[in-house]
Amino acid sequence: MKLLIACIGRASRGPERDLYDHYANRIRWPLALRELEEKKKLPPVQLMLRESELLLEAAPAGATLVALDRRGKVLDSQAFADRLARWRDNSVSDVAFLIGGAEGHAEPLLRKADLVLSFGAMTWPHLLARAMLAEQIYRAQQLLAGHPYHRA
């Protein structure tokens, strides 16, 4: 199973990027990060639609789509690990995690998502969301391997 994190915005060097790299480099599943941005100045609603198009275009054809959105389902780490294991065991070849821009995801993207996932009701910086996602993927990997990391 290959994993993709497609996100709006580019991360320069800094603590958020370092934290992302720290966890991403520990993940054994093939993992790619695609940073996307719309250069045109568009009104917020049009920008959100365009960013959703960019994210969907970045996802491999037939990928299982996971949209990170505050309106999504909150899973604990075990449930997230179980979901990844189910996809792995069902021979899902690609999972694309989609992180939107400041305006969030457009409704058409949310309707196409196989899972809309939330890190809770609080708003998180997009650069930190990448690191949090990488940590949870790493935690799921360790949980599925029976490693005690998940209890920390």
C-alpha atoms as a PDB file:
ATOM      1  CA  MET A   1       0.000   0.000   0.000  1.00  0.00           C
ATOM      2  CA  LYS A   2       1.370   3.394  -1.013  1.00  0.00           C
ATOM      3  CA  LEU A   3       0.490   6.537   0.908  1.00  0.00           C
ATOM      4  CA  LEU A   4       0.315  10.078  -0.389  1.00  0.00           C
ATOM      5  CA  ILE A   5      -0.126  13.245   1.616  1.00  0.00           C
ATOM      6  CA  ALA A   6      -1.307  15.926  -0.814  1.00  0.00           C
ATOM      7  CA  CYS A   7      -1.588  19.349   0.723  1.00  0.00           C
ATOM      8  CA  ILE A   8      -2.112  22.944  -0.179  1.00  0.00           C
ATOM      9  CA  GLY A   9       0.855  25.178   0.568  1.00  0.00           C
ATOM     10  CA  ARG A  10       4.579  24.692   0.640  1.00  0.00           C
ATOM     11  CA  ALA A  11       6.541  24.163   3.818  1.00  0.00           C
ATOM     12  CA  SER A  12       9.926  25.760   4.042  1.00  0.00           C
ATOM     13  CA  ARG A  13      12.494  24.550   6.523  1.00  0.00           C
ATOM     14  CA  GLY A  14      11.419  24.980  10.103  1.00  0.00           C
ATOM     15  CA  PRO A  15      10.169  23.076  13.125  1.00  0.00           C
ATOM     16  CA  GLU A  16       6.915  21.911  11.515  1.00  0.00           C
ATOM     17  CA  ARG A  17       8.773  20.490   8.512  1.00  0.00           C
ATOM     18  CA  ASP A  18      11.396  18.905  10.768  1.00  0.00           C
ATOM     19  CA  LEU A  19       8.668  17.237  12.827  1.00  0.00           C
ATOM     20  CA  TYR A  20       6.958  15.953   9.676  1.00  0.00           C
ATOM     21  CA  ASP A  21      10.280  14.571   8.389  1.00  0.00           C
ATOM     22  CA  HIS A  22      11.015  12.960  11.766  1.00  0.00           C
ATOM     23  CA  TYR A  23       7.897  10.776  11.532  1.00  0.00           C
ATOM     24  CA  ALA A  24       7.708  10.402   7.750  1.00  0.00           C
ATOM     25  CA  ASN A  25      11.201   8.901   7.658  1.00  0.00           C
ATOM     26  CA  ARG A  26      10.119   6.206  10.139  1.00  0.00           C
ATOM     27  CA  ILE A  27       7.099   5.023   8.140  1.00  0.00           C
ATOM     28  CA  ARG A  28       7.710   1.748   6.305  1.00  0.00           C
ATOM     29  CA  TRP A  29       4.861   2.111   3.822  1.00  0.00           C
ATOM     30  CA  PRO A  30       5.960   4.056   0.752  1.00  0.00           C
ATOM     31  CA  LEU A  31       5.015   7.667   1.541  1.00  0.00           C
ATOM     32  CA  ALA A  32       5.092  10.708  -0.718  1.00  0.00           C
ATOM     33  CA  LEU A  33       4.367  14.344   0.066  1.00  0.00           C
ATOM     34  CA  ARG A  34       2.944  16.556  -2.685  1.00  0.00           C
ATOM     35  CA  GLU A  35       2.723  20.243  -1.955  1.00  0.00           C
ATOM     36  CA  LEU A  36       0.365  22.153  -4.219  1.00  0.00           C
ATOM     37  CA  GLU A  37      -0.668  25.755  -4.601  1.00  0.00           C
ATOM     38  CA  GLU A  38      -2.807  27.909  -6.829  1.00  0.00           C
ATOM     39  CA  LYS A  39      -0.857  30.971  -7.929  1.00  0.00           C
ATOM     40  CA  LYS A  40      -3.863  32.963  -9.170  1.00  0.00           C
ATOM     41  CA  LYS A  41      -5.604  35.312  -6.776  1.00  0.00           C
ATOM     42  CA  LEU A  42      -9.163  33.998  -6.605  1.00  0.00           C
ATOM     43  CA  PRO A  43     -12.152  34.790  -4.387  1.00  0.00           C
ATOM     44  CA  PRO A  44     -12.330  32.395  -1.394  1.00  0.00           C
ATOM     45  CA  VAL A  45     -15.054  30.110  -2.783  1.00  0.00           C
ATOM     46  CA  GLN A  46     -13.348  29.797  -6.184  1.00  0.00           C
ATOM     47  CA  LEU A  47      -9.991  29.263  -4.508  1.00  0.00           C
ATOM     48  CA  MET A  48     -11.391  26.466  -2.369  1.00  0.00           C
ATOM     49  CA  LEU A  49     -12.863  24.786  -5.473  1.00  0.00           C
ATOM     50  CA  ARG A  50      -9.584  25.146  -7.380  1.00  0.00           C
ATOM     51  CA  GLU A  51      -7.532  23.782  -4.493  1.00  0.00           C
ATOM     52  CA  SER A  52      -9.890  20.811  -4.279  1.00  0.00           C
ATOM     53  CA  GLU A  53      -9.316  20.169  -7.984  1.00  0.00           C
ATOM     54  CA  LEU A  54      -5.545  20.291  -7.465  1.00  0.00           C
ATOM     55  CA  LEU A  55      -5.758  17.819  -4.596  1.00  0.00           C
ATOM     56  CA  LEU A  56      -7.967  15.397  -6.522  1.00  0.00           C
ATOM     57  CA  GLU A  57      -5.676  15.622  -9.565  1.00  0.00           C
ATOM     58  CA  ALA A  58      -2.681  14.794  -7.356  1.00  0.00           C
ATOM     59  CA  ALA A  59      -4.266  11.587  -6.055  1.00  0.00           C
ATOM     60  CA  PRO A  60      -3.520   8.406  -7.999  1.00  0.00           C
ATOM     61  CA  ALA A  61      -6.430   7.068 -10.050  1.00  0.00           C
ATOM     62  CA  GLY A  62      -8.576   4.782  -7.926  1.00  0.00           C
ATOM     63  CA  ALA A  63      -6.919   5.815  -4.653  1.00  0.00           C
ATOM     64  CA  THR A  64      -8.808   5.639  -1.403  1.00  0.00           C
ATOM     65  CA  LEU A  65      -9.329   9.310  -0.526  1.00  0.00           C
ATOM     66  CA  VAL A  66      -9.068  10.623   3.026  1.00  0.00           C
ATOM     67  CA  ALA A  67      -9.940  14.307   3.414  1.00  0.00           C
ATOM     68  CA  LEU A  68      -8.750  15.967   6.603  1.00  0.00           C
ATOM     69  CA  ASP A  69     -11.484  18.357   7.681  1.00  0.00           C
ATOM     70  CA  ARG A  70     -12.764  19.692  10.997  1.00  0.00           C
ATOM     71  CA  ARG A  71     -16.249  18.391  10.091  1.00  0.00           C
ATOM     72  CA  GLY A  72     -14.972  14.840   9.706  1.00  0.00           C
ATOM     73  CA  LYS A  73     -15.024  11.768  11.859  1.00  0.00           C
ATOM     74  CA  VAL A  74     -12.797  11.708  14.928  1.00  0.00           C
ATOM     75  CA  LEU A  75     -10.972   8.387  15.281  1.00  0.00           C
ATOM     76  CA  ASP A  76      -8.755   7.319  18.118  1.00  0.00           C
ATOM     77  CA  SER A  77      -5.344   5.920  17.212  1.00  0.00           C
ATOM     78  CA  GLN A  78      -6.510   2.289  17.386  1.00  0.00           C
ATOM     79  CA  ALA A  79      -9.465   2.927  15.064  1.00  0.00           C
ATOM     80  CA  PHE A  80      -7.184   4.761  12.627  1.00  0.00           C
ATOM     81  CA  ALA A  81      -4.728   1.845  12.697  1.00  0.00           C
ATOM     82  CA  ASP A  82      -7.594  -0.591  12.150  1.00  0.00           C
ATOM     83  CA  ARG A  83      -8.748   1.414   9.131  1.00  0.00           C
ATOM     84  CA  LEU A  84      -5.250   1.350   7.603  1.00  0.00           C
ATOM     85  CA  ALA A  85      -4.996  -2.384   8.310  1.00  0.00           C
ATOM     86  CA  ARG A  86      -8.343  -3.031   6.637  1.00  0.00           C
ATOM     87  CA  TRP A  87      -7.250  -1.131   3.533  1.00  0.00           C
ATOM     88  CA  ARG A  88      -3.915  -2.964   3.542  1.00  0.00           C
ATOM     89  CA  ASP A  89      -5.614  -6.347   3.981  1.00  0.00           C
ATOM     90  CA  ASN A  90      -8.142  -5.557   1.232  1.00  0.00           C
ATOM     91  CA  SER A  91      -5.265  -4.863  -1.181  1.00  0.00           C
ATOM     92  CA  VAL A  92      -5.904  -1.144  -1.473  1.00  0.00           C
ATOM     93  CA  SER A  93      -2.937   0.008  -3.532  1.00  0.00           C
ATOM     94  CA  ASP A  94      -3.066   3.766  -2.843  1.00  0.00           C
ATOM     95  CA  VAL A  95      -4.360   5.931  -0.009  1.00  0.00           C
ATOM     96  CA  ALA A  96      -4.303   9.686  -0.547  1.00  0.00           C
ATOM     97  CA  PHE A  97      -4.616  11.979   2.454  1.00  0.00           C
ATOM     98  CA  LEU A  98      -5.833  15.423   1.351  1.00  0.00           C
ATOM     99  CA  ILE A  99      -5.127  18.540   3.404  1.00  0.00           C
ATOM    100  CA  GLY A 100      -6.833  21.681   2.118  1.00  0.00           C
ATOM    101  CA  GLY A 101      -5.900  25.323   2.295  1.00  0.00           C
ATOM    102  CA  ALA A 102      -7.016  28.047   4.674  1.00  0.00           C
ATOM    103  CA  GLU A 103     -10.609  27.893   3.420  1.00  0.00           C
ATOM    104  CA  GLY A 104     -10.839  24.106   3.834  1.00  0.00           C
ATOM    105  CA  HIS A 105     -12.265  21.611   1.350  1.00  0.00           C
ATOM    106  CA  ALA A 106     -15.048  22.216  -1.145  1.00  0.00           C
ATOM    107  CA  GLU A 107     -18.149  20.040  -0.842  1.00  0.00           C
ATOM    108  CA  PRO A 108     -17.473  18.121  -4.100  1.00  0.00           C
ATOM    109  CA  LEU A 109     -14.162  16.872  -2.669  1.00  0.00           C
ATOM    110  CA  LEU A 110     -15.767  15.892   0.620  1.00  0.00           C
ATOM    111  CA  ARG A 111     -18.427  13.899  -1.256  1.00  0.00           C
ATOM    112  CA  LYS A 112     -15.718  11.999  -3.186  1.00  0.00           C
ATOM    113  CA  ALA A 113     -13.745  11.142  -0.057  1.00  0.00           C
ATOM    114  CA  ASP A 114     -13.923   7.590   1.268  1.00  0.00           C
ATOM    115  CA  LEU A 115     -13.253   8.991   4.733  1.00  0.00           C
ATOM    116  CA  VAL A 116     -13.484  12.539   6.080  1.00  0.00           C
ATOM    117  CA  LEU A 117     -11.172  12.597   9.077  1.00  0.00           C
ATOM    118  CA  SER A 118     -10.910  15.210  11.817  1.00  0.00           C
ATOM    119  CA  PHE A 119      -8.198  15.835  14.394  1.00  0.00           C
ATOM    120  CA  GLY A 120     -10.898  17.379  16.584  1.00  0.00           C
ATOM    121  CA  ALA A 121     -12.948  20.536  16.792  1.00  0.00           C
ATOM    122  CA  MET A 122      -9.935  22.820  17.166  1.00  0.00           C
ATOM    123  CA  THR A 123      -8.382  24.433  14.120  1.00  0.00           C
ATOM    124  CA  TRP A 124      -4.787  23.316  13.490  1.00  0.00           C
ATOM    125  CA  PRO A 125      -2.179  25.034  11.335  1.00  0.00           C
ATOM    126  CA  HIS A 126      -1.928  23.245   8.000  1.00  0.00           C
ATOM    127  CA  LEU A 127       1.804  22.710   8.390  1.00  0.00           C
ATOM    128  CA  LEU A 128       1.268  21.142  11.801  1.00  0.00           C
ATOM    129  CA  ALA A 129      -1.545  18.943  10.447  1.00  0.00           C
ATOM    130  CA  ARG A 130       0.995  17.258   8.138  1.00  0.00           C
ATOM    131  CA  ALA A 131       3.230  16.418  11.078  1.00  0.00           C
ATOM    132  CA  MET A 132       0.288  15.202  13.147  1.00  0.00           C
ATOM    133  CA  LEU A 133      -0.863  12.977  10.291  1.00  0.00           C
ATOM    134  CA  ALA A 134       2.626  11.533   9.771  1.00  0.00           C
ATOM    135  CA  GLU A 135       2.859  10.821  13.510  1.00  0.00           C
ATOM    136  CA  GLN A 136      -0.500   9.043  13.489  1.00  0.00           C
ATOM    137  CA  ILE A 137       0.481   6.941  10.467  1.00  0.00           C
ATOM    138  CA  TYR A 138       3.712   6.013  12.249  1.00  0.00           C
ATOM    139  CA  ARG A 139       1.759   5.268  15.449  1.00  0.00           C
ATOM    140  CA  ALA A 140      -0.633   3.046  13.465  1.00  0.00           C
ATOM    141  CA  GLN A 141       2.307   1.186  11.945  1.00  0.00           C
ATOM    142  CA  GLN A 142       3.762   0.561  15.393  1.00  0.00           C
ATOM    143  CA  LEU A 143       0.391  -0.397  16.848  1.00  0.00           C
ATOM    144  CA  LEU A 144      -0.197  -2.935  14.059  1.00  0.00           C
ATOM    145  CA  ALA A 145       3.293  -4.360  14.683  1.00  0.00           C
ATOM    146  CA  GLY A 146       2.524  -4.793  18.401  1.00  0.00           C
ATOM    147  CA  HIS A 147       5.178  -2.277  19.408  1.00  0.00           C
ATOM    148  CA  PRO A 148       4.592  -0.441  22.716  1.00  0.00           C
ATOM    149  CA  TYR A 149       5.108   3.029  21.114  1.00  0.00           C
ATOM    150  CA  HIS A 150       1.336   3.477  20.842  1.00  0.00           C
ATOM    151  CA  ARG A 151       0.975   3.452  24.616  1.00  0.00           C
ATOM    152  CA  ALA A 152       3.350   6.382  25.099  1.00  0.00           C
END
